[in-house]
Amino acid sequence: MNKGNGDMHWWLGLVDLLAHGGVQHSAVKLQRVHLSVAEESFRILETVPVTRPGGARVVRVWHHGISRLSYGSVAMAGAALTRITDGYLRERDDRNVNKS
């Protein structure tokens, strides 16, 4: 295998590792922490009479919806990247086995 192909294989392996272990799981964990911290703020806002009549609840619903959409999109992108690199790495490995 020449140096160029080895470098490409190394980079694909790194992307696969980061996408699978880093992006997907981190997005899910960050979402949990983000929503948990935000929930505390919204609970406080609901105790303030001026923000109580619907304002805090509406903002909470929008905030949580947008947050879930954002973190879910990042996790999905990580999953897609993992599938792409897995398929490419598997195909390269199959080609290398057939050559030998």
PDB file of N, CA and C in Angstrom:
ATOM      1  N   MET A   1       0.848  -1.172   0.000  1.00  0.00           N
ATOM      2  CA  MET A   1       0.000   0.000   0.000  1.00  0.00           C
ATOM      3  C   MET A   1       0.891   1.231   0.000  1.00  0.00           C
ATOM      4  N   ASN A   2       0.600   2.187  -0.861  1.00  0.00           N
ATOM      5  CA  ASN A   2       1.444   3.383  -0.890  1.00  0.00           C
ATOM      6  C   ASN A   2       1.035   4.355   0.209  1.00  0.00           C
ATOM      7  N   LYS A   3       1.895   5.344   0.456  1.00  0.00           N
ATOM      8  CA  LYS A   3       1.690   6.263   1.571  1.00  0.00           C
ATOM      9  C   LYS A   3       0.370   7.020   1.466  1.00  0.00           C
ATOM     10  N   GLY A   4      -0.016   7.444   0.292  1.00  0.00           N
ATOM     11  CA  GLY A   4      -1.258   8.184   0.108  1.00  0.00           C
ATOM     12  C   GLY A   4      -2.473   7.385   0.549  1.00  0.00           C
ATOM     13  N   ASN A   5      -2.539   6.120   0.163  1.00  0.00           N
ATOM     14  CA  ASN A   5      -3.669   5.276   0.556  1.00  0.00           C
ATOM     15  C   ASN A   5      -3.672   4.999   2.053  1.00  0.00           C
ATOM     16  N   GLY A   6      -2.491   4.839   2.628  1.00  0.00           N
ATOM     17  CA  GLY A   6      -2.390   4.607   4.065  1.00  0.00           C
ATOM     18  C   GLY A   6      -2.866   5.812   4.851  1.00  0.00           C
ATOM     19  N   ASP A   7      -2.490   7.002   4.380  1.00  0.00           N
ATOM     20  CA  ASP A   7      -2.944   8.223   5.035  1.00  0.00           C
ATOM     21  C   ASP A   7      -4.461   8.348   4.959  1.00  0.00           C
ATOM     22  N   MET A   8      -5.016   8.046   3.802  1.00  0.00           N
ATOM     23  CA  MET A   8      -6.465   8.132   3.628  1.00  0.00           C
ATOM     24  C   MET A   8      -7.167   7.157   4.565  1.00  0.00           C
ATOM     25  N   HIS A   9      -6.631   5.943   4.662  1.00  0.00           N
ATOM     26  CA  HIS A   9      -7.208   4.929   5.543  1.00  0.00           C
ATOM     27  C   HIS A   9      -7.139   5.408   6.999  1.00  0.00           C
ATOM     28  N   TRP A  10      -6.033   6.010   7.391  1.00  0.00           N
ATOM     29  CA  TRP A  10      -5.865   6.521   8.750  1.00  0.00           C
ATOM     30  C   TRP A  10      -6.895   7.615   9.034  1.00  0.00           C
ATOM     31  N   TRP A  11      -7.043   8.564   8.111  1.00  0.00           N
ATOM     32  CA  TRP A  11      -8.000   9.663   8.293  1.00  0.00           C
ATOM     33  C   TRP A  11      -9.430   9.144   8.361  1.00  0.00           C
ATOM     34  N   LEU A  12      -9.767   8.185   7.509  1.00  0.00           N
ATOM     35  CA  LEU A  12     -11.112   7.610   7.553  1.00  0.00           C
ATOM     36  C   LEU A  12     -11.360   6.902   8.882  1.00  0.00           C
ATOM     37  N   GLY A  13     -10.359   6.215   9.376  1.00  0.00           N
ATOM     38  CA  GLY A  13     -10.478   5.567  10.681  1.00  0.00           C
ATOM     39  C   GLY A  13     -10.686   6.575  11.793  1.00  0.00           C
ATOM     40  N   LEU A  14      -9.963   7.677  11.734  1.00  0.00           N
ATOM     41  CA  LEU A  14     -10.111   8.735  12.734  1.00  0.00           C
ATOM     42  C   LEU A  14     -11.503   9.357  12.676  1.00  0.00           C
ATOM     43  N   VAL A  15     -11.975   9.643  11.470  1.00  0.00           N
ATOM     44  CA  VAL A  15     -13.321  10.206  11.301  1.00  0.00           C
ATOM     45  C   VAL A  15     -14.364   9.238  11.836  1.00  0.00           C
ATOM     46  N   ASP A  16     -14.194   7.955  11.536  1.00  0.00           N
ATOM     47  CA  ASP A  16     -15.118   6.934  12.029  1.00  0.00           C
ATOM     48  C   ASP A  16     -15.130   6.907  13.553  1.00  0.00           C
ATOM     49  N   LEU A  17     -13.969   6.939  14.163  1.00  0.00           N
ATOM     50  CA  LEU A  17     -13.864   6.925  15.622  1.00  0.00           C
ATOM     51  C   LEU A  17     -14.537   8.146  16.238  1.00  0.00           C
ATOM     52  N   LEU A  18     -14.239   9.317  15.699  1.00  0.00           N
ATOM     53  CA  LEU A  18     -14.823  10.552  16.229  1.00  0.00           C
ATOM     54  C   LEU A  18     -16.326  10.607  16.001  1.00  0.00           C
ATOM     55  N   ALA A  19     -16.766  10.202  14.833  1.00  0.00           N
ATOM     56  CA  ALA A  19     -18.197  10.258  14.525  1.00  0.00           C
ATOM     57  C   ALA A  19     -18.971   9.305  15.412  1.00  0.00           C
ATOM     58  N   HIS A  20     -18.447   8.098  15.561  1.00  0.00           N
ATOM     59  CA  HIS A  20     -19.172   7.101  16.345  1.00  0.00           C
ATOM     60  C   HIS A  20     -19.068   7.371  17.842  1.00  0.00           C
ATOM     61  N   GLY A  21     -17.866   7.504  18.333  1.00  0.00           N
ATOM     62  CA  GLY A  21     -17.662   7.654  19.764  1.00  0.00           C
ATOM     63  C   GLY A  21     -17.850   9.070  20.259  1.00  0.00           C
ATOM     64  N   GLY A  22     -17.552  10.045  19.413  1.00  0.00           N
ATOM     65  CA  GLY A  22     -17.582  11.415  19.878  1.00  0.00           C
ATOM     66  C   GLY A  22     -18.864  12.154  19.596  1.00  0.00           C
ATOM     67  N   VAL A  23     -19.187  12.303  18.344  1.00  0.00           N
ATOM     68  CA  VAL A  23     -20.288  13.187  17.945  1.00  0.00           C
ATOM     69  C   VAL A  23     -21.638  12.669  18.429  1.00  0.00           C
ATOM     70  N   GLN A  24     -21.955  11.430  18.132  1.00  0.00           N
ATOM     71  CA  GLN A  24     -23.270  10.905  18.481  1.00  0.00           C
ATOM     72  C   GLN A  24     -23.510  10.930  19.979  1.00  0.00           C
ATOM     73  N   HIS A  25     -22.623  10.312  20.728  1.00  0.00           N
ATOM     74  CA  HIS A  25     -22.824  10.193  22.166  1.00  0.00           C
ATOM     75  C   HIS A  25     -22.707  11.538  22.865  1.00  0.00           C
ATOM     76  N   SER A  26     -21.797  12.366  22.409  1.00  0.00           N
ATOM     77  CA  SER A  26     -21.643  13.690  23.016  1.00  0.00           C
ATOM     78  C   SER A  26     -22.877  14.546  22.783  1.00  0.00           C
ATOM     79  N   ALA A  27     -23.452  14.480  21.610  1.00  0.00           N
ATOM     80  CA  ALA A  27     -24.654  15.273  21.323  1.00  0.00           C
ATOM     81  C   ALA A  27     -25.798  14.866  22.250  1.00  0.00           C
ATOM     82  N   VAL A  28     -25.968  13.582  22.473  1.00  0.00           N
ATOM     83  CA  VAL A  28     -27.038  13.102  23.358  1.00  0.00           C
ATOM     84  C   VAL A  28     -26.788  13.556  24.793  1.00  0.00           C
ATOM     85  N   LYS A  29     -25.546  13.420  25.255  1.00  0.00           N
ATOM     86  CA  LYS A  29     -25.223  13.821  26.627  1.00  0.00           C
ATOM     87  C   LYS A  29     -25.324  15.326  26.817  1.00  0.00           C
ATOM     88  N   LEU A  30     -24.824  16.087  25.838  1.00  0.00           N
ATOM     89  CA  LEU A  30     -24.933  17.545  25.925  1.00  0.00           C
ATOM     90  C   LEU A  30     -26.387  17.998  25.916  1.00  0.00           C
ATOM     91  N   GLN A  31     -27.218  17.334  25.138  1.00  0.00           N
ATOM     92  CA  GLN A  31     -28.639  17.686  25.112  1.00  0.00           C
ATOM     93  C   GLN A  31     -29.250  17.501  26.496  1.00  0.00           C
ATOM     94  N   ARG A  32     -28.957  16.374  27.138  1.00  0.00           N
ATOM     95  CA  ARG A  32     -29.496  16.127  28.483  1.00  0.00           C
ATOM     96  C   ARG A  32     -29.072  17.212  29.464  1.00  0.00           C
ATOM     97  N   VAL A  33     -27.788  17.545  29.444  1.00  0.00           N
ATOM     98  CA  VAL A  33     -27.278  18.574  30.362  1.00  0.00           C
ATOM     99  C   VAL A  33     -27.900  19.925  30.029  1.00  0.00           C
ATOM    100  N   HIS A  34     -27.932  20.286  28.765  1.00  0.00           N
ATOM    101  CA  HIS A  34     -28.482  21.565  28.330  1.00  0.00           C
ATOM    102  C   HIS A  34     -29.931  21.715  28.784  1.00  0.00           C
ATOM    103  N   LEU A  35     -30.755  20.697  28.500  1.00  0.00           N
ATOM    104  CA  LEU A  35     -32.167  20.778  28.864  1.00  0.00           C
ATOM    105  C   LEU A  35     -32.358  20.784  30.376  1.00  0.00           C
ATOM    106  N   SER A  36     -31.530  20.074  31.089  1.00  0.00           N
ATOM    107  CA  SER A  36     -31.610  20.050  32.549  1.00  0.00           C
ATOM    108  C   SER A  36     -31.303  21.425  33.144  1.00  0.00           C
ATOM    109  N   VAL A  37     -30.238  22.054  32.664  1.00  0.00           N
ATOM    110  CA  VAL A  37     -29.866  23.390  33.154  1.00  0.00           C
ATOM    111  C   VAL A  37     -30.940  24.404  32.759  1.00  0.00           C
ATOM    112  N   ALA A  38     -31.416  24.321  31.539  1.00  0.00           N
ATOM    113  CA  ALA A  38     -32.448  25.251  31.069  1.00  0.00           C
ATOM    114  C   ALA A  38     -33.731  25.075  31.873  1.00  0.00           C
ATOM    115  N   GLU A  39     -34.064  23.852  32.222  1.00  0.00           N
ATOM    116  CA  GLU A  39     -35.287  23.577  32.982  1.00  0.00           C
ATOM    117  C   GLU A  39     -35.272  24.313  34.325  1.00  0.00           C
ATOM    118  N   GLU A  40     -34.116  24.365  34.960  1.00  0.00           N
ATOM    119  CA  GLU A  40     -34.002  25.111  36.223  1.00  0.00           C
ATOM    120  C   GLU A  40     -34.334  26.582  36.013  1.00  0.00           C
ATOM    121  N   SER A  41     -33.821  27.159  34.944  1.00  0.00           N
ATOM    122  CA  SER A  41     -34.100  28.573  34.641  1.00  0.00           C
ATOM    123  C   SER A  41     -35.583  28.789  34.372  1.00  0.00           C
ATOM    124  N   PHE A  42     -36.196  27.888  33.641  1.00  0.00           N
ATOM    125  CA  PHE A  42     -37.619  28.035  33.341  1.00  0.00           C
ATOM    126  C   PHE A  42     -38.481  27.872  34.594  1.00  0.00           C
ATOM    127  N   ARG A  43     -38.072  26.996  35.509  1.00  0.00           N
ATOM    128  CA  ARG A  43     -38.807  26.859  36.780  1.00  0.00           C
ATOM    129  C   ARG A  43     -38.755  28.163  37.572  1.00  0.00           C
ATOM    130  N   ILE A  44     -37.600  28.796  37.577  1.00  0.00           N
ATOM    131  CA  ILE A  44     -37.468  30.088  38.272  1.00  0.00           C
ATOM    132  C   ILE A  44     -38.347  31.134  37.600  1.00  0.00           C
ATOM    133  N   LEU A  45     -38.321  31.173  36.266  1.00  0.00           N
ATOM    134  CA  LEU A  45     -39.152  32.143  35.545  1.00  0.00           C
ATOM    135  C   LEU A  45     -40.642  31.961  35.841  1.00  0.00           C
ATOM    136  N   GLU A  46     -41.067  30.726  36.035  1.00  0.00           N
ATOM    137  CA  GLU A  46     -42.480  30.478  36.326  1.00  0.00           C
ATOM    138  C   GLU A  46     -42.890  30.963  37.710  1.00  0.00           C
ATOM    139  N   THR A  47     -41.929  31.204  38.583  1.00  0.00           N
ATOM    140  CA  THR A  47     -42.272  31.731  39.907  1.00  0.00           C
ATOM    141  C   THR A  47     -42.415  33.245  39.892  1.00  0.00           C
ATOM    142  N   VAL A  48     -41.925  33.903  38.850  1.00  0.00           N
ATOM    143  CA  VAL A  48     -42.026  35.356  38.726  1.00  0.00           C
ATOM    144  C   VAL A  48     -43.400  35.677  38.138  1.00  0.00           C
ATOM    145  N   PRO A  49     -44.211  36.454  38.856  1.00  0.00           N
ATOM    146  CA  PRO A  49     -45.584  36.714  38.388  1.00  0.00           C
ATOM    147  C   PRO A  49     -45.675  37.311  36.982  1.00  0.00           C
ATOM    148  N   VAL A  50     -44.753  38.156  36.589  1.00  0.00           N
ATOM    149  CA  VAL A  50     -44.824  38.807  35.281  1.00  0.00           C
ATOM    150  C   VAL A  50     -44.623  37.800  34.145  1.00  0.00           C
ATOM    151  N   THR A  51     -43.775  36.802  34.338  1.00  0.00           N
ATOM    152  CA  THR A  51     -43.484  35.836  33.270  1.00  0.00           C
ATOM    153  C   THR A  51     -44.360  34.597  33.347  1.00  0.00           C
ATOM    154  N   ARG A  52     -45.122  34.467  34.419  1.00  0.00           N
ATOM    155  CA  ARG A  52     -45.910  33.251  34.629  1.00  0.00           C
ATOM    156  C   ARG A  52     -47.041  33.047  33.627  1.00  0.00           C
ATOM    157  N   PRO A  53     -47.834  34.067  33.290  1.00  0.00           N
ATOM    158  CA  PRO A  53     -49.017  33.796  32.447  1.00  0.00           C
ATOM    159  C   PRO A  53     -48.673  33.372  31.010  1.00  0.00           C
ATOM    160  N   GLY A  54     -48.131  32.200  30.874  1.00  0.00           N
ATOM    161  CA  GLY A  54     -47.906  31.649  29.545  1.00  0.00           C
ATOM    162  C   GLY A  54     -46.564  31.968  28.923  1.00  0.00           C
ATOM    163  N   GLY A  55     -45.958  33.084  29.268  1.00  0.00           N
ATOM    164  CA  GLY A  55     -44.704  33.490  28.642  1.00  0.00           C
ATOM    165  C   GLY A  55     -43.585  32.488  28.822  1.00  0.00           C
ATOM    166  N   ALA A  56     -43.353  32.091  30.051  1.00  0.00           N
ATOM    167  CA  ALA A  56     -42.256  31.153  30.332  1.00  0.00           C
ATOM    168  C   ALA A  56     -42.538  29.792  29.706  1.00  0.00           C
ATOM    169  N   ARG A  57     -43.799  29.385  29.723  1.00  0.00           N
ATOM    170  CA  ARG A  57     -44.140  28.070  29.147  1.00  0.00           C
ATOM    171  C   ARG A  57     -43.943  28.043  27.640  1.00  0.00           C
ATOM    172  N   VAL A  58     -44.352  29.109  26.982  1.00  0.00           N
ATOM    173  CA  VAL A  58     -44.194  29.178  25.522  1.00  0.00           C
ATOM    174  C   VAL A  58     -42.714  29.165  25.150  1.00  0.00           C
ATOM    175  N   VAL A  59     -41.928  29.954  25.861  1.00  0.00           N
ATOM    176  CA  VAL A  59     -40.488  30.007  25.591  1.00  0.00           C
ATOM    177  C   VAL A  59     -39.850  28.651  25.877  1.00  0.00           C
ATOM    178  N   ARG A  60     -40.285  27.986  26.958  1.00  0.00           N
ATOM    179  CA  ARG A  60     -39.751  26.662  27.298  1.00  0.00           C
ATOM    180  C   ARG A  60     -40.026  25.667  26.167  1.00  0.00           C
ATOM    181  N   VAL A  61     -41.250  25.646  25.671  1.00  0.00           N
ATOM    182  CA  VAL A  61     -41.606  24.709  24.596  1.00  0.00           C
ATOM    183  C   VAL A  61     -40.752  24.966  23.360  1.00  0.00           C
ATOM    184  N   TRP A  62     -40.633  26.228  22.967  1.00  0.00           N
ATOM    185  CA  TRP A  62     -39.817  26.566  21.794  1.00  0.00           C
ATOM    186  C   TRP A  62     -38.349  26.233  22.037  1.00  0.00           C
ATOM    187  N   HIS A  63     -37.843  26.593  23.190  1.00  0.00           N
ATOM    188  CA  HIS A  63     -36.436  26.326  23.514  1.00  0.00           C
ATOM    189  C   HIS A  63     -36.139  24.830  23.457  1.00  0.00           C
ATOM    190  N   HIS A  64     -36.966  24.048  24.141  1.00  0.00           N
ATOM    191  CA  HIS A  64     -36.723  22.604  24.181  1.00  0.00           C
ATOM    192  C   HIS A  64     -36.871  21.980  22.800  1.00  0.00           C
ATOM    193  N   GLY A  65     -37.845  22.436  22.023  1.00  0.00           N
ATOM    194  CA  GLY A  65     -38.030  21.899  20.676  1.00  0.00           C
ATOM    195  C   GLY A  65     -36.843  22.186  19.772  1.00  0.00           C
ATOM    196  N   ILE A  66     -36.382  23.429  19.795  1.00  0.00           N
ATOM    197  CA  ILE A  66     -35.235  23.807  18.966  1.00  0.00           C
ATOM    198  C   ILE A  66     -33.973  23.081  19.432  1.00  0.00           C
ATOM    199  N   SER A  67     -33.797  22.964  20.739  1.00  0.00           N
ATOM    200  CA  SER A  67     -32.623  22.257  21.274  1.00  0.00           C
ATOM    201  C   SER A  67     -32.631  20.797  20.860  1.00  0.00           C
ATOM    202  N   ARG A  68     -33.774  20.154  20.994  1.00  0.00           N
ATOM    203  CA  ARG A  68     -33.862  18.730  20.604  1.00  0.00           C
ATOM    204  C   ARG A  68     -33.595  18.554  19.109  1.00  0.00           C
ATOM    205  N   LEU A  69     -34.135  19.463  18.312  1.00  0.00           N
ATOM    206  CA  LEU A  69     -33.900  19.408  16.865  1.00  0.00           C
ATOM    207  C   LEU A  69     -32.414  19.594  16.549  1.00  0.00           C
ATOM    208  N   SER A  70     -31.779  20.549  17.198  1.00  0.00           N
ATOM    209  CA  SER A  70     -30.359  20.834  16.942  1.00  0.00           C
ATOM    210  C   SER A  70     -29.468  19.669  17.351  1.00  0.00           C
ATOM    211  N   TYR A  71     -29.619  19.207  18.583  1.00  0.00           N
ATOM    212  CA  TYR A  71     -28.784  18.099  19.043  1.00  0.00           C
ATOM    213  C   TYR A  71     -29.090  16.813  18.278  1.00  0.00           C
ATOM    214  N   GLY A  72     -30.361  16.597  17.955  1.00  0.00           N
ATOM    215  CA  GLY A  72     -30.733  15.421  17.167  1.00  0.00           C
ATOM    216  C   GLY A  72     -30.105  15.446  15.783  1.00  0.00           C
ATOM    217  N   SER A  73     -30.046  16.641  15.185  1.00  0.00           N
ATOM    218  CA  SER A  73     -29.419  16.780  13.861  1.00  0.00           C
ATOM    219  C   SER A  73     -27.931  16.465  13.918  1.00  0.00           C
ATOM    220  N   VAL A  74     -27.268  16.931  14.963  1.00  0.00           N
ATOM    221  CA  VAL A  74     -25.833  16.644  15.121  1.00  0.00           C
ATOM    222  C   VAL A  74     -25.621  15.143  15.306  1.00  0.00           C
ATOM    223  N   ALA A  75     -26.438  14.509  16.142  1.00  0.00           N
ATOM    224  CA  ALA A  75     -26.312  13.063  16.369  1.00  0.00           C
ATOM    225  C   ALA A  75     -26.587  12.289  15.080  1.00  0.00           C
ATOM    226  N   MET A  76     -27.597  12.726  14.308  1.00  0.00           N
ATOM    227  CA  MET A  76     -27.900  12.063  13.037  1.00  0.00           C
ATOM    228  C   MET A  76     -26.761  12.227  12.036  1.00  0.00           C
ATOM    229  N   ALA A  77     -26.171  13.413  11.995  1.00  0.00           N
ATOM    230  CA  ALA A  77     -25.031  13.631  11.095  1.00  0.00           C
ATOM    231  C   ALA A  77     -23.867  12.730  11.490  1.00  0.00           C
ATOM    232  N   GLY A  78     -23.642  12.576  12.791  1.00  0.00           N
ATOM    233  CA  GLY A  78     -22.598  11.670  13.260  1.00  0.00           C
ATOM    234  C   GLY A  78     -22.878  10.229  12.867  1.00  0.00           C
ATOM    235  N   ALA A  79     -24.146   9.821  12.983  1.00  0.00           N
ATOM    236  CA  ALA A  79     -24.524   8.455  12.595  1.00  0.00           C
ATOM    237  C   ALA A  79     -24.337   8.247  11.090  1.00  0.00           C
ATOM    238  N   ALA A  80     -24.718   9.244  10.304  1.00  0.00           N
ATOM    239  CA  ALA A  80     -24.548   9.134   8.850  1.00  0.00           C
ATOM    240  C   ALA A  80     -23.071   9.055   8.480  1.00  0.00           C
ATOM    241  N   LEU A  81     -22.274   9.876   9.112  1.00  0.00           N
ATOM    242  CA  LEU A  81     -20.831   9.858   8.855  1.00  0.00           C
ATOM    243  C   LEU A  81     -20.235   8.511   9.227  1.00  0.00           C
ATOM    244  N   THR A  82     -20.695   7.932  10.325  1.00  0.00           N
ATOM    245  CA  THR A  82     -20.227   6.614  10.741  1.00  0.00           C
ATOM    246  C   THR A  82     -20.578   5.566   9.691  1.00  0.00           C
ATOM    247  N   ARG A  83     -21.816   5.600   9.197  1.00  0.00           N
ATOM    248  CA  ARG A  83     -22.226   4.616   8.171  1.00  0.00           C
ATOM    249  C   ARG A  83     -21.410   4.769   6.893  1.00  0.00           C
ATOM    250  N   ILE A  84     -21.159   6.013   6.506  1.00  0.00           N
ATOM    251  CA  ILE A  84     -20.388   6.255   5.280  1.00  0.00           C
ATOM    252  C   ILE A  84     -18.963   5.744   5.426  1.00  0.00           C
ATOM    253  N   THR A  85     -18.309   6.109   6.526  1.00  0.00           N
ATOM    254  CA  THR A  85     -16.917   5.675   6.704  1.00  0.00           C
ATOM    255  C   THR A  85     -16.830   4.169   6.931  1.00  0.00           C
ATOM    256  N   ASP A  86     -17.805   3.591   7.661  1.00  0.00           N
ATOM    257  CA  ASP A  86     -17.808   2.136   7.855  1.00  0.00           C
ATOM    258  C   ASP A  86     -17.878   1.413   6.517  1.00  0.00           C
ATOM    259  N   GLY A  87     -18.791   1.874   5.660  1.00  0.00           N
ATOM    260  CA  GLY A  87     -18.946   1.240   4.349  1.00  0.00           C
ATOM    261  C   GLY A  87     -17.694   1.382   3.508  1.00  0.00           C
ATOM    262  N   TYR A  88     -17.105   2.565   3.514  1.00  0.00           N
ATOM    263  CA  TYR A  88     -15.904   2.792   2.713  1.00  0.00           C
ATOM    264  C   TYR A  88     -14.738   1.957   3.242  1.00  0.00           C
ATOM    265  N   LEU A  89     -14.574   1.917   4.576  1.00  0.00           N
ATOM    266  CA  LEU A  89     -13.479   1.131   5.158  1.00  0.00           C
ATOM    267  C   LEU A  89     -13.677  -0.362   4.898  1.00  0.00           C
ATOM    268  N   ARG A  90     -14.912  -0.833   5.011  1.00  0.00           N
ATOM    269  CA  ARG A  90     -15.195  -2.246   4.750  1.00  0.00           C
ATOM    270  C   ARG A  90     -14.893  -2.589   3.295  1.00  0.00           C
ATOM    271  N   GLU A  91     -15.289  -1.694   2.385  1.00  0.00           N
ATOM    272  CA  GLU A  91     -15.033  -1.909   0.959  1.00  0.00           C
ATOM    273  C   GLU A  91     -13.533  -1.944   0.681  1.00  0.00           C
ATOM    274  N   ARG A  92     -12.779  -1.051   1.278  1.00  0.00           N
ATOM    275  CA  ARG A  92     -11.312  -1.036   1.092  1.00  0.00           C
ATOM    276  C   ARG A  92     -10.678  -2.303   1.636  1.00  0.00           C
ATOM    277  N   ASP A  93     -11.153  -2.736   2.818  1.00  0.00           N
ATOM    278  CA  ASP A  93     -10.607  -3.960   3.406  1.00  0.00           C
ATOM    279  C   ASP A  93     -10.915  -5.173   2.532  1.00  0.00           C
ATOM    280  N   ASP A  94     -12.135  -5.211   1.982  1.00  0.00           N
ATOM    281  CA  ASP A  94     -12.504  -6.329   1.082  1.00  0.00           C
ATOM    282  C   ASP A  94     -11.623  -6.331  -0.159  1.00  0.00           C
ATOM    283  N   ARG A  95     -11.365  -5.151  -0.722  1.00  0.00           N
ATOM    284  CA  ARG A  95     -10.508  -5.071  -1.901  1.00  0.00           C
ATOM    285  C   ARG A  95      -9.089  -5.520  -1.575  1.00  0.00           C
ATOM    286  N   ASN A  96      -8.570  -5.121  -0.417  1.00  0.00           N
ATOM    287  CA  ASN A  96      -7.220  -5.508  -0.024  1.00  0.00           C
ATOM    288  C   ASN A  96      -7.110  -7.000   0.223  1.00  0.00           C
ATOM    289  N   VAL A  97      -8.158  -7.624   0.790  1.00  0.00           N
ATOM    290  CA  VAL A  97      -8.153  -9.063   1.017  1.00  0.00           C
ATOM    291  C   VAL A  97      -8.185  -9.802  -0.319  1.00  0.00           C
ATOM    292  N   ASN A  98      -8.974  -9.312  -1.256  1.00  0.00           N
ATOM    293  CA  ASN A  98      -9.069  -9.970  -2.574  1.00  0.00           C
ATOM    294  C   ASN A  98      -7.789  -9.839  -3.372  1.00  0.00           C
ATOM    295  N   LYS A  99      -6.994  -8.781  -3.137  1.00  0.00           N
ATOM    296  CA  LYS A  99      -5.728  -8.601  -3.843  1.00  0.00           C
ATOM    297  C   LYS A  99      -4.675  -9.575  -3.363  1.00  0.00           C
ATOM    298  N   SER A 100      -4.744  -9.953  -2.079  1.00  0.00           N
ATOM    299  CA  SER A 100      -3.683 -10.807  -1.540  1.00  0.00           C
ATOM    300  C   SER A 100      -3.912 -12.266  -1.754  1.00  0.00           C
TER     301      SER A 100
END
